[in-house]
Amino acid sequence: MKQLIKWEEGAMFLLSIVLLSRLPYAWYWWLVWILAPDLSMLAYLGGNRVGAIGYNIVHHKAVAIALYLVGLFTSHPALEFAGMILFGHSSMDRAMGYGLKYFSGFQDTHLGKIGKKS
């Protein structure tokens, strides 16, 4: 089942690239921004609870989709771009086994413990 989830997340990652390619931005902006959502890990400086909340807001796909749709319906390509960066980054993370965080610590995710051999 875990392999199926990885393939599904990989497909969503590719979808985000396709949707980004339809926006009026050069391809290199994807390279510049795709890892930016990981800056949300800085929220862990405030402790596990604050860190998990900050990280999960940035890595939640519903937030990414909402941002994209707001941009789409308001004809604001920068919001569409931001939404697809968040969506693509979250899909990439989940394909690699990194999920949304629990308050118990960064390594505890909804996909299992990070670093645990499956």
N, C-alpha and C. Protein backbone atom coordinates (compact mmCIF):
# COMPACT_ATOMS: atom_id res chain seq x y z
N MET A 1 0.82 -1.20 0.00
CA MET A 1 0.00 0.00 0.00
C MET A 1 0.86 1.25 0.00
N LYS A 2 1.97 1.22 0.77
CA LYS A 2 2.83 2.40 0.82
C LYS A 2 3.39 2.74 -0.56
N GLN A 3 3.69 1.73 -1.35
CA GLN A 3 4.21 1.97 -2.70
C GLN A 3 3.15 2.64 -3.56
N LEU A 4 1.89 2.23 -3.41
CA LEU A 4 0.81 2.84 -4.16
C LEU A 4 0.65 4.32 -3.79
N ILE A 5 0.77 4.62 -2.51
CA ILE A 5 0.69 6.01 -2.06
C ILE A 5 1.83 6.83 -2.66
N LYS A 6 3.02 6.26 -2.70
CA LYS A 6 4.16 6.97 -3.29
C LYS A 6 3.92 7.27 -4.77
N TRP A 7 3.37 6.31 -5.49
CA TRP A 7 3.08 6.53 -6.91
C TRP A 7 2.01 7.60 -7.09
N GLU A 8 0.99 7.57 -6.23
CA GLU A 8 -0.08 8.55 -6.31
C GLU A 8 0.46 9.96 -6.03
N GLU A 9 1.30 10.07 -5.01
CA GLU A 9 1.89 11.37 -4.69
C GLU A 9 2.82 11.84 -5.81
N GLY A 10 3.54 10.92 -6.41
CA GLY A 10 4.39 11.27 -7.55
C GLY A 10 3.58 11.81 -8.72
N ALA A 11 2.41 11.21 -8.95
CA ALA A 11 1.53 11.69 -10.02
C ALA A 11 1.03 13.10 -9.70
N MET A 12 0.70 13.36 -8.45
CA MET A 12 0.25 14.71 -8.07
C MET A 12 1.39 15.72 -8.20
N PHE A 13 2.61 15.29 -7.91
CA PHE A 13 3.76 16.16 -8.10
C PHE A 13 3.90 16.54 -9.58
N LEU A 14 3.76 15.56 -10.47
CA LEU A 14 3.82 15.83 -11.91
C LEU A 14 2.67 16.74 -12.36
N LEU A 15 1.48 16.54 -11.78
CA LEU A 15 0.35 17.42 -12.08
C LEU A 15 0.68 18.87 -11.73
N SER A 16 1.33 19.06 -10.58
CA SER A 16 1.67 20.43 -10.19
C SER A 16 2.63 21.07 -11.19
N ILE A 17 3.56 20.28 -11.72
CA ILE A 17 4.49 20.80 -12.72
C ILE A 17 3.75 21.17 -14.01
N VAL A 18 2.82 20.33 -14.42
CA VAL A 18 2.03 20.63 -15.62
C VAL A 18 1.23 21.92 -15.43
N LEU A 19 0.57 22.06 -14.28
CA LEU A 19 -0.21 23.27 -14.03
C LEU A 19 0.68 24.50 -13.94
N LEU A 20 1.85 24.35 -13.36
CA LEU A 20 2.79 25.48 -13.30
C LEU A 20 3.27 25.88 -14.68
N SER A 21 3.43 24.91 -15.57
CA SER A 21 3.93 25.21 -16.92
C SER A 21 2.93 26.05 -17.71
N ARG A 22 1.69 26.08 -17.28
CA ARG A 22 0.65 26.85 -17.97
C ARG A 22 0.61 28.30 -17.49
N LEU A 23 1.41 28.62 -16.48
CA LEU A 23 1.44 29.98 -15.94
C LEU A 23 2.53 30.80 -16.63
N PRO A 24 2.41 32.12 -16.56
CA PRO A 24 3.35 32.98 -17.30
C PRO A 24 4.68 33.23 -16.58
N TYR A 25 5.32 32.15 -16.13
CA TYR A 25 6.60 32.28 -15.42
C TYR A 25 7.63 31.36 -16.07
N ALA A 26 8.87 31.81 -16.06
CA ALA A 26 9.97 30.99 -16.60
C ALA A 26 10.14 29.75 -15.72
N TRP A 27 10.59 28.66 -16.33
CA TRP A 27 10.73 27.38 -15.63
C TRP A 27 11.65 27.45 -14.43
N TYR A 28 12.66 28.32 -14.47
CA TYR A 28 13.63 28.35 -13.38
C TYR A 28 13.04 28.86 -12.07
N TRP A 29 11.89 29.54 -12.14
CA TRP A 29 11.26 29.97 -10.89
C TRP A 29 10.78 28.78 -10.08
N TRP A 30 10.44 27.69 -10.77
CA TRP A 30 10.09 26.45 -10.06
C TRP A 30 11.28 25.98 -9.24
N LEU A 31 12.47 25.99 -9.85
CA LEU A 31 13.68 25.57 -9.13
C LEU A 31 13.96 26.46 -7.92
N VAL A 32 13.71 27.74 -8.08
CA VAL A 32 13.96 28.69 -7.00
C VAL A 32 13.03 28.45 -5.81
N TRP A 33 11.77 28.13 -6.08
CA TRP A 33 10.74 28.11 -5.03
C TRP A 33 10.33 26.73 -4.51
N ILE A 34 10.66 25.65 -5.19
CA ILE A 34 10.11 24.34 -4.83
C ILE A 34 10.49 23.89 -3.41
N LEU A 35 11.62 24.30 -2.90
CA LEU A 35 12.01 23.90 -1.55
C LEU A 35 11.68 24.95 -0.49
N ALA A 36 11.17 26.10 -0.91
CA ALA A 36 10.85 27.17 0.03
C ALA A 36 9.87 26.77 1.14
N PRO A 37 8.87 25.92 0.88
CA PRO A 37 7.96 25.53 1.97
C PRO A 37 8.66 24.88 3.16
N ASP A 38 9.85 24.34 2.96
CA ASP A 38 10.56 23.74 4.08
C ASP A 38 11.06 24.77 5.09
N LEU A 39 11.02 26.03 4.72
CA LEU A 39 11.35 27.08 5.69
C LEU A 39 10.37 27.06 6.87
N SER A 40 9.22 26.44 6.67
CA SER A 40 8.24 26.34 7.76
C SER A 40 8.77 25.50 8.92
N MET A 41 9.84 24.75 8.70
CA MET A 41 10.46 23.99 9.80
C MET A 41 11.02 24.92 10.87
N LEU A 42 11.24 26.17 10.51
CA LEU A 42 11.72 27.14 11.50
C LEU A 42 10.72 27.34 12.64
N ALA A 43 9.46 27.00 12.38
CA ALA A 43 8.44 27.10 13.43
C ALA A 43 8.79 26.19 14.60
N TYR A 44 9.59 25.16 14.37
CA TYR A 44 9.99 24.26 15.46
C TYR A 44 10.88 24.96 16.47
N LEU A 45 11.37 26.14 16.16
CA LEU A 45 12.11 26.92 17.16
C LEU A 45 11.20 27.31 18.32
N GLY A 46 9.89 27.30 18.08
CA GLY A 46 8.90 27.59 19.11
C GLY A 46 8.43 26.36 19.85
N GLY A 47 9.03 25.22 19.60
CA GLY A 47 8.62 23.98 20.26
C GLY A 47 7.87 23.06 19.31
N ASN A 48 7.61 21.85 19.78
CA ASN A 48 6.96 20.84 18.94
C ASN A 48 5.55 21.22 18.51
N ARG A 49 4.76 21.77 19.42
CA ARG A 49 3.38 22.12 19.09
C ARG A 49 3.33 23.24 18.05
N VAL A 50 4.04 24.31 18.30
CA VAL A 50 4.07 25.45 17.36
C VAL A 50 4.68 25.00 16.04
N GLY A 51 5.74 24.20 16.12
CA GLY A 51 6.38 23.71 14.91
C GLY A 51 5.46 22.87 14.06
N ALA A 52 4.75 21.94 14.69
CA ALA A 52 3.84 21.07 13.93
C ALA A 52 2.72 21.89 13.29
N ILE A 53 2.19 22.86 14.01
CA ILE A 53 1.11 23.69 13.45
C ILE A 53 1.62 24.48 12.26
N GLY A 54 2.77 25.14 12.42
CA GLY A 54 3.33 25.92 11.32
C GLY A 54 3.67 25.06 10.11
N TYR A 55 4.31 23.95 10.35
CA TYR A 55 4.69 23.04 9.28
C TYR A 55 3.45 22.50 8.56
N ASN A 56 2.46 22.08 9.33
CA ASN A 56 1.27 21.47 8.74
C ASN A 56 0.43 22.45 7.93
N ILE A 57 0.38 23.70 8.34
CA ILE A 57 -0.37 24.70 7.57
C ILE A 57 0.25 24.84 6.18
N VAL A 58 1.57 24.94 6.14
CA VAL A 58 2.26 25.14 4.86
C VAL A 58 2.23 23.87 4.00
N HIS A 59 2.20 22.70 4.63
CA HIS A 59 2.26 21.44 3.89
C HIS A 59 0.89 20.76 3.71
N HIS A 60 -0.17 21.44 4.06
CA HIS A 60 -1.51 20.86 3.91
C HIS A 60 -2.00 21.11 2.49
N LYS A 61 -2.39 20.06 1.81
CA LYS A 61 -2.79 20.19 0.40
C LYS A 61 -4.06 21.01 0.22
N ALA A 62 -4.96 21.00 1.19
CA ALA A 62 -6.19 21.80 1.08
C ALA A 62 -5.84 23.29 1.06
N VAL A 63 -4.86 23.70 1.84
CA VAL A 63 -4.40 25.09 1.84
C VAL A 63 -3.83 25.43 0.46
N ALA A 64 -3.02 24.53 -0.08
CA ALA A 64 -2.42 24.74 -1.40
C ALA A 64 -3.48 24.86 -2.49
N ILE A 65 -4.45 23.97 -2.47
CA ILE A 65 -5.51 23.98 -3.48
C ILE A 65 -6.36 25.25 -3.34
N ALA A 66 -6.67 25.64 -2.12
CA ALA A 66 -7.45 26.86 -1.90
C ALA A 66 -6.71 28.08 -2.44
N LEU A 67 -5.42 28.16 -2.17
CA LEU A 67 -4.62 29.27 -2.67
C LEU A 67 -4.61 29.29 -4.20
N TYR A 68 -4.43 28.13 -4.79
CA TYR A 68 -4.44 28.02 -6.25
C TYR A 68 -5.80 28.48 -6.81
N LEU A 69 -6.89 28.01 -6.21
CA LEU A 69 -8.22 28.36 -6.72
C LEU A 69 -8.53 29.85 -6.55
N VAL A 70 -8.10 30.43 -5.46
CA VAL A 70 -8.28 31.87 -5.29
C VAL A 70 -7.56 32.61 -6.41
N GLY A 71 -6.34 32.19 -6.70
CA GLY A 71 -5.60 32.81 -7.80
C GLY A 71 -6.27 32.60 -9.14
N LEU A 72 -6.79 31.40 -9.36
CA LEU A 72 -7.45 31.09 -10.62
C LEU A 72 -8.70 31.95 -10.82
N PHE A 73 -9.53 32.03 -9.79
CA PHE A 73 -10.79 32.76 -9.92
C PHE A 73 -10.65 34.27 -9.83
N THR A 74 -9.53 34.74 -9.33
CA THR A 74 -9.29 36.19 -9.27
C THR A 74 -8.30 36.63 -10.34
N SER A 75 -7.92 35.71 -11.23
CA SER A 75 -6.96 35.99 -12.29
C SER A 75 -5.66 36.58 -11.75
N HIS A 76 -5.15 35.91 -10.71
CA HIS A 76 -3.91 36.34 -10.07
C HIS A 76 -2.90 35.19 -10.17
N PRO A 77 -2.09 35.18 -11.25
CA PRO A 77 -1.17 34.07 -11.48
C PRO A 77 -0.17 33.82 -10.35
N ALA A 78 0.22 34.84 -9.61
CA ALA A 78 1.17 34.64 -8.51
C ALA A 78 0.57 33.75 -7.43
N LEU A 79 -0.73 33.89 -7.17
CA LEU A 79 -1.38 33.02 -6.18
C LEU A 79 -1.51 31.60 -6.71
N GLU A 80 -1.80 31.48 -7.99
CA GLU A 80 -1.84 30.15 -8.60
C GLU A 80 -0.48 29.48 -8.48
N PHE A 81 0.57 30.24 -8.77
CA PHE A 81 1.93 29.72 -8.69
C PHE A 81 2.26 29.28 -7.27
N ALA A 82 1.93 30.11 -6.30
CA ALA A 82 2.21 29.78 -4.89
C ALA A 82 1.45 28.52 -4.49
N GLY A 83 0.20 28.42 -4.89
CA GLY A 83 -0.60 27.24 -4.56
C GLY A 83 -0.02 25.97 -5.16
N MET A 84 0.44 26.05 -6.39
CA MET A 84 1.02 24.86 -7.03
C MET A 84 2.40 24.52 -6.47
N ILE A 85 3.15 25.51 -6.04
CA ILE A 85 4.43 25.22 -5.38
C ILE A 85 4.15 24.47 -4.08
N LEU A 86 3.20 24.95 -3.29
CA LEU A 86 2.85 24.27 -2.03
C LEU A 86 2.34 22.86 -2.30
N PHE A 87 1.47 22.72 -3.29
CA PHE A 87 0.90 21.42 -3.62
C PHE A 87 1.98 20.46 -4.11
N GLY A 88 2.82 20.93 -5.03
CA GLY A 88 3.88 20.09 -5.57
C GLY A 88 4.89 19.69 -4.51
N HIS A 89 5.26 20.65 -3.67
CA HIS A 89 6.22 20.36 -2.61
C HIS A 89 5.66 19.32 -1.63
N SER A 90 4.40 19.49 -1.26
CA SER A 90 3.78 18.55 -0.33
C SER A 90 3.68 17.15 -0.94
N SER A 91 3.37 17.08 -2.22
CA SER A 91 3.31 15.78 -2.91
C SER A 91 4.68 15.15 -2.97
N MET A 92 5.69 15.96 -3.26
CA MET A 92 7.07 15.45 -3.32
C MET A 92 7.49 14.90 -1.95
N ASP A 93 7.19 15.67 -0.90
CA ASP A 93 7.53 15.23 0.45
C ASP A 93 6.85 13.90 0.78
N ARG A 94 5.58 13.79 0.47
CA ARG A 94 4.84 12.57 0.82
C ARG A 94 5.29 11.38 -0.01
N ALA A 95 5.69 11.63 -1.24
CA ALA A 95 6.24 10.54 -2.05
C ALA A 95 7.52 9.99 -1.44
N MET A 96 8.23 10.84 -0.69
CA MET A 96 9.47 10.42 -0.03
C MET A 96 9.23 9.96 1.41
N GLY A 97 7.95 9.94 1.83
CA GLY A 97 7.62 9.43 3.16
C GLY A 97 7.50 10.46 4.26
N TYR A 98 7.57 11.74 3.91
CA TYR A 98 7.44 12.80 4.92
C TYR A 98 5.99 13.28 4.94
N GLY A 99 5.34 13.13 6.07
CA GLY A 99 3.94 13.51 6.17
C GLY A 99 3.71 14.69 7.09
N LEU A 100 2.45 14.95 7.34
CA LEU A 100 2.07 16.00 8.28
C LEU A 100 2.52 15.58 9.68
N LYS A 101 2.87 16.55 10.49
CA LYS A 101 3.52 16.27 11.77
C LYS A 101 2.53 16.20 12.93
N TYR A 102 2.87 15.33 13.89
CA TYR A 102 2.16 15.27 15.17
C TYR A 102 2.89 16.16 16.17
N PHE A 103 2.20 16.52 17.25
CA PHE A 103 2.80 17.39 18.27
C PHE A 103 3.93 16.71 19.04
N SER A 104 4.04 15.40 18.94
CA SER A 104 5.05 14.68 19.71
C SER A 104 6.47 14.90 19.18
N GLY A 105 6.62 15.38 17.96
CA GLY A 105 7.95 15.65 17.44
C GLY A 105 7.99 15.61 15.93
N PHE A 106 9.01 16.21 15.36
CA PHE A 106 9.15 16.32 13.91
C PHE A 106 9.16 14.96 13.22
N GLN A 107 9.74 13.97 13.85
CA GLN A 107 9.87 12.65 13.22
C GLN A 107 8.56 11.87 13.19
N ASP A 108 7.55 12.29 13.96
CA ASP A 108 6.27 11.58 14.01
C ASP A 108 5.29 12.19 13.02
N THR A 109 4.96 11.42 11.96
CA THR A 109 4.09 11.94 10.90
C THR A 109 2.88 11.03 10.67
N HIS A 110 1.92 11.53 9.92
CA HIS A 110 0.74 10.73 9.62
C HIS A 110 1.07 9.56 8.69
N LEU A 111 2.27 9.56 8.12
CA LEU A 111 2.70 8.44 7.27
C LEU A 111 3.62 7.47 8.01
N GLY A 112 3.84 7.75 9.28
CA GLY A 112 4.72 6.91 10.07
C GLY A 112 5.92 7.71 10.57
N LYS A 113 6.77 7.04 11.29
CA LYS A 113 7.95 7.69 11.86
C LYS A 113 9.01 7.88 10.77
N ILE A 114 9.56 9.09 10.67
CA ILE A 114 10.63 9.36 9.73
C ILE A 114 11.87 8.62 10.18
N GLY A 115 12.52 7.97 9.25
CA GLY A 115 13.74 7.24 9.56
C GLY A 115 13.51 5.77 9.92
N LYS A 116 12.26 5.42 10.18
CA LYS A 116 11.93 4.03 10.50
C LYS A 116 11.95 3.20 9.24
N LYS A 117 12.65 2.09 9.25
CA LYS A 117 12.70 1.19 8.09
C LYS A 117 11.38 0.45 7.96
N SER A 118 10.81 0.47 6.75
CA SER A 118 9.53 -0.20 6.51
C SER A 118 9.74 -1.61 6.01
